[in-house]
Amino acid sequence: MPKSISFVGHWQKVTLTLWAVALICFFFSDTEIISLDPWSELQRMIQGFITPDFFATEYLLEALWQTISFALLGVLGGLIWGAPLALLYSNRFIAAGCAVIRSIHEIFWALIFLQIFGLSPLTGILAIALPYGATFARVFFDILLQSPQSTVETLPARTDRISRYFYGKISHVMVPILAYIRYRFECALRSSAVLGFIGMPTLGFYLETAFRQGHYHEGAALLILFIALIGSIRFWCRPRLIIIYLVLALLTLPSMPSIDASLIWRFLSQDILPPALQGLTGLSQLDLSRVNELISWGKRVLFEQAIPGMLVTLLLALSALAMSHLVSVILSAFAFKRLTGKFISVVIKLLLLILRSIPEYIFAFIFMLLLGPSMLPAMLALALHNGALIAFLTIKQSDNVVNSSAYNGRLDGYCYDILPKIYPNLMGLLFYRFEVILRETAIFGMLGVATLGFYIDSGFSEIRYSTALLLMACTALLNILVDMISRHLLRQNTQTALACR
């Protein structure tokens, strides 16, 4: 009896394993539809999108501009502190610190800064700048590693380190660096909109209000404007206009409330400490009873909130990962012009723009209004957004693939000739997105799904900051672990080393 089935290759095994794990996770997930009349609600939403009301929202232009301003200043802040760290990222302590910072979602950072600065523009800008800076440090470091060493080796021996980096390395990789900054700005626009759901004066604030109150004509108009904003970035976000936008963003920021330094110090020195450590003035007061109380508190948070939250987070993320895989494979095929024709390809690419422009959080919020509070809306939201993004990136490769004589212009020819050539890259993107899916999964707790974000949000609401911070640390560790596993798989199974058949 043969040890293995010859026609089942590596990527087939990976795909079958992924779907087997996802089906098990889906079986144990809460996917019940508990909405009383979802079809009636869906009909009202469709009517809202057919006849959007673009004049129903007061301060609409201001909300659009604040969404752009927060994104611009957040990306600028991330570049200011993240780009220099790319030069030092080989240090394991800096790399570990950046990994922790970027593994925590912007909304969670915003919840922390809300306790310090309140509903201030500084809260939204820092919530974007902090994780984005850590991401810039990691990605710029990876890009710099791809820079050729020939220029550096020809520089004079006394050339300082900064000049070596700028002339010998950065000059070679400036194009991918600028392309990545543009991509992060698009992500920052989505993050800026989502921050409106916690009170920031961005488009998300008005979007949530409109949909929650059933004003679907207004909500549809806001969503259409946001999609148009994302889709037209290349037209209005020209390099020569960036300086003007930044100056206007600084000049038009909402007024910042006064900041009480004593309240900040109290938050950092007392409020975020576990109950057993609050009120201590020195280590001499740390007796055995306080230590036992601290251990008891840690066990209670770990077993009652952290572990259940991590299990639900993983169930949701793994189910959404497989669904994203399905969406990306299907949409990639339909968008392939040599298979479906020019018209259908253009329509599918327009659909991909819409799906990848809408943040997962907004998708989940809308689906939850339709289907009720379960894990199913979150799964659908993650699958549609991430599947569309993966398909969008995969299409760029498939459009440049040279088909062989075996390609017959039908689905079987596509599956035999084209799909095997793009599938390793598609799976690589899928594994890369898993870390992002896990981060997004955690914040769905703020919509009622019992992920880690649900307990974190409850901790902030109940003014149990120490509990919330401990759970955020668990979120960071979970994301770092998943990122390590994903990168290990991608290093082992590169596109050049493995074929699909």
Protein backbone atom coordinates (compact mmCIF):
# COMPACT_ATOMS: atom_id res chain seq x y z
CA MET A 1 0.00 0.00 0.00
CA PRO A 2 1.53 3.38 -0.96
CA LYS A 3 2.52 5.67 1.86
CA SER A 4 0.93 8.73 0.24
CA ILE A 5 -1.44 9.58 -2.55
CA SER A 6 0.69 10.81 -5.44
CA PHE A 7 -1.76 13.35 -6.86
CA VAL A 8 -2.21 15.12 -3.51
CA GLY A 9 0.56 17.70 -3.41
CA HIS A 10 1.79 19.97 -0.64
CA TRP A 11 -0.67 22.82 -1.14
CA GLN A 12 -3.56 20.38 -1.48
CA LYS A 13 -2.63 18.93 1.91
CA VAL A 14 -2.36 22.41 3.43
CA THR A 15 -5.76 23.36 2.01
CA LEU A 16 -7.45 20.16 3.19
CA THR A 17 -5.93 20.60 6.66
CA LEU A 18 -7.07 24.22 6.81
CA TRP A 19 -10.63 23.30 5.90
CA ALA A 20 -10.72 20.31 8.26
CA VAL A 21 -9.66 22.54 11.17
CA ALA A 22 -12.07 25.29 10.08
CA LEU A 23 -15.04 22.91 9.88
CA ILE A 24 -14.33 21.69 13.41
CA CYS A 25 -14.10 25.30 14.62
CA PHE A 26 -17.30 26.21 12.78
CA PHE A 27 -19.11 23.29 14.42
CA PHE A 28 -18.28 24.60 17.89
CA SER A 29 -18.98 28.25 17.01
CA ASP A 30 -22.16 30.15 17.80
CA THR A 31 -23.62 30.82 14.34
CA GLU A 32 -27.30 30.99 15.22
CA ILE A 33 -29.40 33.57 13.37
CA ILE A 34 -31.60 35.16 16.02
CA SER A 35 -32.89 38.23 14.20
CA LEU A 36 -36.70 38.36 14.24
CA ASP A 37 -37.13 39.48 10.62
CA PRO A 38 -33.78 39.64 8.77
CA TRP A 39 -35.35 39.76 5.29
CA SER A 40 -37.42 42.83 6.13
CA GLU A 41 -34.33 44.55 7.55
CA LEU A 42 -32.31 43.57 4.48
CA GLN A 43 -35.02 45.00 2.23
CA ARG A 44 -34.88 48.32 4.09
CA MET A 45 -31.08 48.40 3.74
CA ILE A 46 -31.27 47.71 0.01
CA GLN A 47 -33.81 50.51 -0.37
CA GLY A 48 -31.41 52.77 1.50
CA PHE A 49 -28.58 51.96 -0.93
CA ILE A 50 -30.86 52.46 -3.94
CA THR A 51 -31.91 55.92 -2.73
CA PRO A 52 -29.06 57.24 -0.53
CA ASP A 53 -29.55 60.61 1.15
CA PHE A 54 -26.31 62.57 0.91
CA PHE A 55 -27.75 65.64 2.64
CA ALA A 56 -29.11 63.98 5.78
CA THR A 57 -25.86 64.09 7.77
CA GLU A 58 -24.96 67.32 9.50
CA TYR A 59 -21.25 68.22 9.42
CA LEU A 60 -20.66 65.62 6.66
CA LEU A 61 -17.72 67.40 5.03
CA GLU A 62 -16.16 68.02 8.43
CA ALA A 63 -16.45 64.30 9.28
CA LEU A 64 -14.84 63.34 5.96
CA TRP A 65 -11.98 65.76 6.51
CA GLN A 66 -11.41 64.62 10.11
CA THR A 67 -11.25 61.03 8.86
CA ILE A 68 -8.51 62.06 6.44
CA SER A 69 -6.75 64.25 9.04
CA PHE A 70 -6.55 61.53 11.67
CA ALA A 71 -5.19 59.10 9.06
CA LEU A 72 -2.60 61.57 7.73
CA LEU A 73 -1.32 62.62 11.15
CA GLY A 74 -1.41 59.05 12.43
CA VAL A 75 0.72 57.80 9.53
CA LEU A 76 3.08 60.77 9.94
CA GLY A 77 3.44 60.00 13.65
CA GLY A 78 4.08 56.35 12.87
CA LEU A 79 6.79 57.28 10.36
CA ILE A 80 8.47 59.69 12.78
CA TRP A 81 9.05 57.05 15.44
CA GLY A 82 8.88 53.84 13.39
CA ALA A 83 11.20 54.60 10.46
CA PRO A 84 14.32 55.24 12.60
CA LEU A 85 13.67 52.01 14.51
CA ALA A 86 13.96 50.08 11.24
CA LEU A 87 17.71 50.79 11.39
CA LEU A 88 17.88 49.15 14.84
CA TYR A 89 15.30 46.41 14.31
CA SER A 90 17.94 43.68 14.34
CA ASN A 91 18.10 44.21 18.10
CA ARG A 92 15.90 41.50 19.61
CA PHE A 93 14.53 43.76 22.37
CA ILE A 94 13.42 46.43 19.89
CA ALA A 95 11.92 43.77 17.64
CA ALA A 96 10.04 42.22 20.58
CA GLY A 97 8.74 45.60 21.74
CA CYS A 98 7.49 46.47 18.26
CA ALA A 99 5.85 43.05 17.95
CA VAL A 100 3.88 43.65 21.15
CA ILE A 101 2.82 47.17 20.12
CA ARG A 102 1.63 46.26 16.61
CA SER A 103 -0.21 43.14 17.80
CA ILE A 104 -2.72 45.29 19.73
CA HIS A 105 -5.51 46.79 17.62
CA GLU A 106 -5.90 50.55 17.19
CA ILE A 107 -9.26 50.52 18.98
CA PHE A 108 -7.68 49.02 22.10
CA TRP A 109 -4.97 51.68 22.04
CA ALA A 110 -7.71 54.28 21.66
CA LEU A 111 -9.51 52.89 24.71
CA ILE A 112 -6.32 53.37 26.74
CA PHE A 113 -5.72 56.91 25.50
CA LEU A 114 -9.37 57.77 26.13
CA GLN A 115 -8.71 57.31 29.84
CA ILE A 116 -5.78 59.76 29.64
CA PHE A 117 -6.74 62.38 27.06
CA GLY A 118 -10.51 61.88 26.78
CA LEU A 119 -12.25 62.50 23.44
CA SER A 120 -9.28 64.47 22.17
CA PRO A 121 -7.77 64.39 18.65
CA LEU A 122 -4.60 63.20 20.36
CA THR A 123 -6.41 59.99 21.32
CA GLY A 124 -7.23 59.09 17.71
CA ILE A 125 -3.88 60.15 16.28
CA LEU A 126 -1.83 58.23 18.87
CA ALA A 127 -4.07 55.17 18.51
CA ILE A 128 -3.06 55.02 14.83
CA ALA A 129 0.53 56.24 15.15
CA LEU A 130 1.63 53.76 17.83
CA PRO A 131 0.85 50.41 16.13
CA TYR A 132 1.58 51.82 12.67
CA GLY A 133 5.03 52.94 13.79
CA ALA A 134 5.82 49.42 15.01
CA THR A 135 4.58 48.04 11.69
CA PHE A 136 6.70 50.51 9.72
CA ALA A 137 9.77 49.46 11.70
CA ARG A 138 9.25 45.78 10.87
CA VAL A 139 8.33 46.20 7.19
CA PHE A 140 11.03 48.79 6.43
CA PHE A 141 13.58 46.46 8.05
CA ASP A 142 12.43 43.61 5.79
CA ILE A 143 12.57 45.88 2.73
CA LEU A 144 16.07 47.12 3.61
CA LEU A 145 17.27 43.52 3.81
CA GLN A 146 16.42 43.19 0.10
CA SER A 147 18.66 46.12 -0.80
CA PRO A 148 21.84 45.08 -2.69
CA GLN A 149 25.12 45.26 -0.77
CA SER A 150 27.20 46.37 -3.76
CA THR A 151 26.70 50.11 -3.18
CA VAL A 152 27.50 49.88 0.54
CA GLU A 153 30.72 47.99 -0.18
CA THR A 154 31.95 50.71 -2.54
CA LEU A 155 31.49 53.56 -0.04
CA PRO A 156 34.59 55.00 1.69
CA ALA A 157 35.55 53.31 4.95
CA ARG A 158 34.94 56.43 7.05
CA THR A 159 31.35 56.93 5.83
CA ASP A 160 29.04 57.29 8.83
CA ARG A 161 26.27 54.77 9.46
CA ILE A 162 23.38 57.11 8.57
CA SER A 163 24.92 58.00 5.20
CA ARG A 164 25.52 54.32 4.50
CA TYR A 165 21.86 53.59 5.08
CA PHE A 166 20.51 56.52 3.07
CA TYR A 167 22.85 56.29 0.10
CA GLY A 168 23.73 52.61 0.12
CA LYS A 169 20.40 51.04 1.07
CA ILE A 170 17.37 53.34 1.18
CA SER A 171 18.01 54.82 -2.27
CA HIS A 172 17.66 51.33 -3.80
CA VAL A 173 14.35 50.49 -2.11
CA MET A 174 12.63 53.89 -2.10
CA VAL A 175 9.92 52.74 -4.54
CA PRO A 176 8.63 49.83 -2.39
CA ILE A 177 8.90 51.98 0.75
CA LEU A 178 6.73 54.72 -0.78
CA ALA A 179 4.29 52.11 -2.09
CA TYR A 180 3.96 50.63 1.39
CA ILE A 181 3.42 54.06 2.96
CA ARG A 182 0.58 54.66 0.50
CA TYR A 183 -0.93 51.27 1.39
CA ARG A 184 -0.70 52.06 5.12
CA PHE A 185 -2.43 55.38 4.52
CA GLU A 186 -5.34 53.50 2.94
CA CYS A 187 -5.41 51.25 6.02
CA ALA A 188 -5.24 54.33 8.25
CA LEU A 189 -8.34 55.76 6.57
CA ARG A 190 -10.23 52.59 7.51
CA SER A 191 -8.85 52.70 11.06
CA SER A 192 -9.77 56.37 11.36
CA ALA A 193 -13.35 55.62 10.32
CA VAL A 194 -13.62 52.74 12.81
CA LEU A 195 -12.42 55.01 15.64
CA GLY A 196 -15.69 56.89 15.16
CA PHE A 197 -17.44 53.92 16.75
CA ILE A 198 -15.89 54.86 20.11
CA GLY A 199 -16.69 58.57 19.83
CA MET A 200 -13.99 60.10 17.62
CA PRO A 201 -15.44 62.76 15.24
CA THR A 202 -14.78 60.72 12.09
CA LEU A 203 -17.11 59.23 9.50
CA GLY A 204 -17.61 56.08 11.58
CA PHE A 205 -19.37 58.03 14.32
CA TYR A 206 -22.13 59.20 11.98
CA LEU A 207 -22.20 55.85 10.18
CA GLU A 208 -22.82 53.92 13.39
CA THR A 209 -25.50 56.39 14.50
CA ALA A 210 -27.34 56.18 11.18
CA PHE A 211 -27.38 52.38 10.97
CA ARG A 212 -28.16 51.88 14.65
CA GLN A 213 -31.18 54.20 14.39
CA GLY A 214 -32.37 52.55 11.18
CA HIS A 215 -31.66 55.58 8.98
CA TYR A 216 -30.39 53.40 6.13
CA HIS A 217 -30.69 56.10 3.45
CA GLU A 218 -28.25 58.23 5.44
CA GLY A 219 -26.02 55.28 6.38
CA ALA A 220 -25.85 54.12 2.76
CA ALA A 221 -24.80 57.59 1.63
CA LEU A 222 -22.01 57.68 4.22
CA LEU A 223 -20.79 54.22 3.21
CA ILE A 224 -20.81 55.14 -0.48
CA LEU A 225 -18.81 58.29 0.26
CA PHE A 226 -16.26 56.29 2.25
CA ILE A 227 -15.85 53.74 -0.55
CA ALA A 228 -15.41 56.60 -3.03
CA LEU A 229 -12.82 58.16 -0.70
CA ILE A 230 -10.78 54.93 -0.63
CA GLY A 231 -11.20 54.21 -4.33
CA SER A 232 -10.08 57.66 -5.43
CA ILE A 233 -6.92 57.92 -3.31
CA ARG A 234 -4.64 57.90 -6.35
CA PHE A 235 -6.43 60.97 -7.72
CA TRP A 236 -6.54 63.23 -4.66
CA CYS A 237 -3.56 61.98 -2.65
CA ARG A 238 -0.77 63.24 -4.89
CA PRO A 239 2.77 63.45 -3.42
CA ARG A 240 3.02 67.19 -4.09
CA LEU A 241 -0.20 67.80 -2.12
CA ILE A 242 0.79 65.88 1.02
CA ILE A 243 2.48 68.86 2.69
CA ILE A 244 -0.60 71.02 2.08
CA TYR A 245 -2.87 68.31 3.50
CA LEU A 246 -0.69 67.95 6.60
CA VAL A 247 -0.69 71.70 7.28
CA LEU A 248 -4.48 71.85 6.85
CA ALA A 249 -4.90 68.80 9.08
CA LEU A 250 -2.96 70.49 11.88
CA LEU A 251 -4.82 73.78 11.47
CA THR A 252 -8.29 72.20 11.43
CA LEU A 253 -7.91 69.75 14.30
CA PRO A 254 -10.72 69.99 16.88
CA SER A 255 -9.79 71.88 20.02
CA MET A 256 -8.02 69.77 22.60
CA PRO A 257 -9.44 69.73 26.13
CA SER A 258 -7.14 70.65 28.97
CA ILE A 259 -5.03 67.76 30.24
CA ASP A 260 -4.61 67.33 33.98
CA ALA A 261 -1.12 65.94 34.64
CA SER A 262 -2.15 64.70 38.10
CA LEU A 263 -4.92 62.57 36.60
CA ILE A 264 -2.49 61.09 34.08
CA TRP A 265 -0.04 60.27 36.87
CA ARG A 266 -2.80 58.68 38.92
CA PHE A 267 -3.86 56.54 35.95
CA LEU A 268 -0.30 55.36 35.32
CA SER A 269 0.72 54.89 38.95
CA GLN A 270 -2.50 53.59 40.54
CA ASP A 271 -5.48 52.91 38.27
CA ILE A 272 -3.76 50.40 35.98
CA LEU A 273 -2.39 48.38 38.89
CA PRO A 274 -4.14 45.20 40.09
CA PRO A 275 -6.41 45.73 43.13
CA ALA A 276 -3.88 44.09 45.43
CA LEU A 277 -1.18 46.63 44.52
CA GLN A 278 -3.27 49.79 44.58
CA GLY A 279 -2.55 52.10 47.47
CA LEU A 280 0.98 50.79 48.06
CA THR A 281 3.55 53.47 48.81
CA GLY A 282 6.51 51.09 48.89
CA LEU A 283 7.59 47.48 48.52
CA SER A 284 7.74 47.16 52.30
CA GLN A 285 3.92 47.08 52.34
CA LEU A 286 3.81 44.09 49.96
CA ASP A 287 3.05 41.33 52.46
CA LEU A 288 1.98 37.71 51.93
CA SER A 289 -1.73 38.48 51.99
CA ARG A 290 -1.36 40.99 49.14
CA VAL A 291 0.71 38.49 47.13
CA ASN A 292 -1.98 35.83 47.59
CA GLU A 293 -4.64 38.34 46.58
CA LEU A 294 -2.62 39.22 43.47
CA ILE A 295 -2.24 35.55 42.50
CA SER A 296 -5.93 34.93 43.09
CA TRP A 297 -6.82 37.92 40.90
CA GLY A 298 -4.53 36.71 38.12
CA LYS A 299 -5.98 33.20 38.18
CA ARG A 300 -9.52 34.53 38.13
CA VAL A 301 -8.89 36.76 35.11
CA LEU A 302 -6.95 34.04 33.33
CA PHE A 303 -9.44 31.20 33.75
CA GLU A 304 -12.70 33.17 33.66
CA GLN A 305 -11.89 35.64 30.89
CA ALA A 306 -8.55 35.19 29.11
CA ILE A 307 -8.72 31.48 28.23
CA PRO A 308 -12.43 31.48 27.21
CA GLY A 309 -11.83 34.67 25.21
CA MET A 310 -8.80 33.22 23.43
CA LEU A 311 -10.70 30.03 22.54
CA VAL A 312 -13.58 31.99 21.00
CA THR A 313 -11.10 34.27 19.23
CA LEU A 314 -9.33 31.27 17.67
CA LEU A 315 -12.61 29.56 16.72
CA LEU A 316 -13.76 32.70 14.94
CA ALA A 317 -10.40 33.49 13.32
CA LEU A 318 -9.81 29.97 11.94
CA SER A 319 -13.35 29.74 10.57
CA ALA A 320 -12.97 33.16 8.95
CA LEU A 321 -9.56 32.18 7.53
CA ALA A 322 -11.06 29.26 5.59
CA MET A 323 -13.99 31.38 4.43
CA SER A 324 -11.53 34.06 3.26
CA HIS A 325 -9.71 31.36 1.30
CA LEU A 326 -12.93 30.34 -0.43
CA VAL A 327 -13.88 33.94 -1.26
CA SER A 328 -10.42 34.75 -2.63
CA VAL A 329 -10.26 31.65 -4.86
CA ILE A 330 -13.74 32.25 -6.32
CA LEU A 331 -13.32 35.99 -6.88
CA SER A 332 -9.82 35.53 -8.36
CA ALA A 333 -11.28 33.17 -10.95
CA PHE A 334 -14.20 35.43 -11.86
CA ALA A 335 -11.91 38.46 -12.16
CA PHE A 336 -9.57 36.65 -14.59
CA LYS A 337 -10.30 38.36 -17.91
CA ARG A 338 -9.20 35.44 -20.09
CA LEU A 339 -11.78 33.24 -18.35
CA THR A 340 -14.87 35.41 -17.87
CA GLY A 341 -14.39 38.19 -20.40
CA LYS A 342 -13.68 41.90 -20.02
CA PHE A 343 -17.11 43.01 -18.78
CA ILE A 344 -17.45 40.47 -15.95
CA SER A 345 -13.80 41.01 -15.00
CA VAL A 346 -14.35 44.77 -14.63
CA VAL A 347 -17.53 44.23 -12.58
CA ILE A 348 -15.76 41.80 -10.22
CA LYS A 349 -12.81 44.18 -9.81
CA LEU A 350 -15.25 46.95 -8.89
CA LEU A 351 -16.83 44.59 -6.36
CA LEU A 352 -13.37 43.86 -4.93
CA LEU A 353 -12.77 47.60 -4.50
CA ILE A 354 -16.02 47.92 -2.55
CA LEU A 355 -15.40 44.88 -0.35
CA ARG A 356 -11.80 45.76 0.52
CA SER A 357 -12.64 49.41 1.17
CA ILE A 358 -15.19 48.69 3.91
CA PRO A 359 -13.51 47.87 7.26
CA GLU A 360 -14.36 44.50 8.81
CA TYR A 361 -15.77 46.21 11.89
CA ILE A 362 -18.32 48.15 9.82
CA PHE A 363 -19.20 45.03 7.84
CA ALA A 364 -19.76 43.09 11.07
CA PHE A 365 -21.86 45.89 12.54
CA ILE A 366 -24.16 45.85 9.50
CA PHE A 367 -24.40 42.04 9.41
CA MET A 368 -25.17 42.02 13.12
CA LEU A 369 -28.14 44.31 12.53
CA LEU A 370 -29.37 41.77 9.97
CA LEU A 371 -28.53 38.43 11.59
CA GLY A 372 -28.37 39.20 15.30
CA PRO A 373 -25.48 38.99 17.79
CA SER A 374 -23.58 35.79 16.98
CA MET A 375 -20.22 34.82 15.48
CA LEU A 376 -21.66 34.48 11.97
CA PRO A 377 -21.71 38.25 11.17
CA ALA A 378 -18.07 38.52 12.23
CA MET A 379 -17.09 35.51 10.08
CA LEU A 380 -18.83 36.96 7.03
CA ALA A 381 -17.24 40.37 7.60
CA LEU A 382 -13.73 38.95 7.88
CA ALA A 383 -14.21 36.62 4.91
CA LEU A 384 -15.54 39.29 2.55
CA HIS A 385 -12.95 41.96 3.38
CA ASN A 386 -9.86 39.74 3.56
CA GLY A 387 -10.94 37.45 0.73
CA ALA A 388 -11.45 40.47 -1.52
CA LEU A 389 -8.07 41.93 -0.56
CA ILE A 390 -6.27 38.64 -1.25
CA ALA A 391 -8.11 38.26 -4.56
CA PHE A 392 -7.20 41.85 -5.52
CA LEU A 393 -3.50 41.16 -4.93
CA THR A 394 -3.64 37.75 -6.63
CA ILE A 395 -5.27 39.17 -9.77
CA LYS A 396 -2.22 41.38 -10.32
CA GLN A 397 -0.18 38.19 -10.65
CA SER A 398 -2.69 36.20 -12.71
CA ASP A 399 -3.04 39.03 -15.25
CA ASN A 400 0.69 38.68 -15.98
CA VAL A 401 0.72 34.88 -16.14
CA VAL A 402 1.47 33.46 -19.59
CA ASN A 403 -0.92 30.60 -20.24
CA SER A 404 0.31 27.42 -21.89
CA SER A 405 -1.18 25.57 -24.82
CA ALA A 406 -3.23 23.53 -22.32
CA TYR A 407 -5.38 26.56 -21.47
CA ASN A 408 -8.74 26.33 -23.27
CA GLY A 409 -10.50 29.43 -21.93
CA ARG A 410 -12.83 27.40 -19.69
CA LEU A 411 -12.91 26.74 -15.95
CA ASP A 412 -11.12 23.38 -16.25
CA GLY A 413 -8.32 25.06 -18.21
CA TYR A 414 -8.06 27.80 -15.57
CA CYS A 415 -7.86 25.24 -12.75
CA TYR A 416 -5.24 23.19 -14.61
CA ASP A 417 -3.00 25.90 -16.04
CA ILE A 418 -3.50 29.25 -14.25
CA LEU A 419 -4.53 28.42 -10.68
CA PRO A 420 -1.46 26.24 -9.90
CA LYS A 421 0.79 29.15 -10.87
CA ILE A 422 -0.90 31.70 -8.60
CA TYR A 423 -2.01 29.40 -5.77
CA PRO A 424 1.26 29.44 -3.73
CA ASN A 425 1.18 33.24 -3.69
CA LEU A 426 -2.51 33.21 -2.76
CA MET A 427 -1.81 30.89 0.18
CA GLY A 428 1.14 33.02 1.24
CA LEU A 429 -1.10 36.09 1.35
CA LEU A 430 -3.71 34.09 3.26
CA PHE A 431 -1.22 33.09 5.97
CA TYR A 432 0.03 36.68 6.13
CA ARG A 433 -3.53 37.94 6.61
CA PHE A 434 -4.17 35.47 9.43
CA GLU A 435 -2.40 37.73 11.92
CA VAL A 436 -4.58 40.63 10.75
CA ILE A 437 -7.71 38.46 10.96
CA LEU A 438 -6.80 37.53 14.53
CA ARG A 439 -6.34 41.20 15.49
CA GLU A 440 -9.67 42.13 13.94
CA THR A 441 -11.38 39.14 15.57
CA ALA A 442 -10.47 40.40 19.03
CA ILE A 443 -12.18 43.78 18.52
CA PHE A 444 -15.48 42.17 17.50
CA GLY A 445 -15.98 41.67 21.22
CA MET A 446 -17.06 45.30 21.31
CA LEU A 447 -20.05 44.23 19.20
CA GLY A 448 -21.02 41.52 21.68
CA VAL A 449 -19.07 38.49 20.40
CA ALA A 450 -17.35 36.82 23.37
CA THR A 451 -13.81 37.21 22.03
CA LEU A 452 -10.97 38.74 24.04
CA GLY A 453 -12.20 42.16 22.97
CA PHE A 454 -15.50 41.59 24.76
CA TYR A 455 -13.73 41.18 28.10
CA ILE A 456 -11.31 44.04 27.37
CA ASP A 457 -14.19 46.38 26.58
CA SER A 458 -15.98 45.24 29.75
CA GLY A 459 -12.84 45.93 31.77
CA PHE A 460 -12.69 49.53 30.54
CA SER A 461 -16.44 50.00 30.99
CA GLU A 462 -16.27 48.75 34.59
CA ILE A 463 -13.14 50.84 35.30
CA ARG A 464 -11.11 47.66 35.85
CA TYR A 465 -8.10 48.89 33.93
CA SER A 466 -5.70 46.28 35.30
CA THR A 467 -7.97 43.50 34.02
CA ALA A 468 -8.24 45.15 30.61
CA LEU A 469 -4.46 45.58 30.33
CA LEU A 470 -3.79 41.97 31.33
CA LEU A 471 -6.24 40.78 28.67
CA MET A 472 -4.59 43.07 26.12
CA ALA A 473 -1.27 41.42 26.98
CA CYS A 474 -2.90 38.03 26.33
CA THR A 475 -4.13 39.36 22.98
CA ALA A 476 -0.61 40.49 22.10
CA LEU A 477 0.93 37.14 23.04
CA LEU A 478 -1.67 35.25 21.01
CA ASN A 479 -1.02 37.44 17.96
CA ILE A 480 2.75 37.10 18.28
CA LEU A 481 2.44 33.30 18.53
CA VAL A 482 0.26 33.12 15.42
CA ASP A 483 2.60 35.48 13.56
CA MET A 484 5.59 33.26 14.40
CA ILE A 485 3.77 30.14 13.18
CA SER A 486 2.64 31.84 9.96
CA ARG A 487 6.12 33.16 9.19
CA HIS A 488 7.61 29.73 9.90
CA LEU A 489 5.20 28.11 7.42
CA LEU A 490 5.95 30.76 4.80
CA ARG A 491 9.72 30.36 5.21
CA GLN A 492 9.44 26.60 4.76
CA ASN A 493 7.05 26.74 1.83
CA THR A 494 8.11 29.54 -0.50
CA GLN A 495 6.68 29.94 -3.93
CA THR A 496 9.98 29.13 -5.60
CA ALA A 497 10.45 25.92 -3.66
CA LEU A 498 7.02 24.36 -4.00
CA ALA A 499 4.69 23.91 -6.90
CA CYS A 500 1.06 22.93 -6.81
CA ARG A 501 1.47 19.82 -8.84
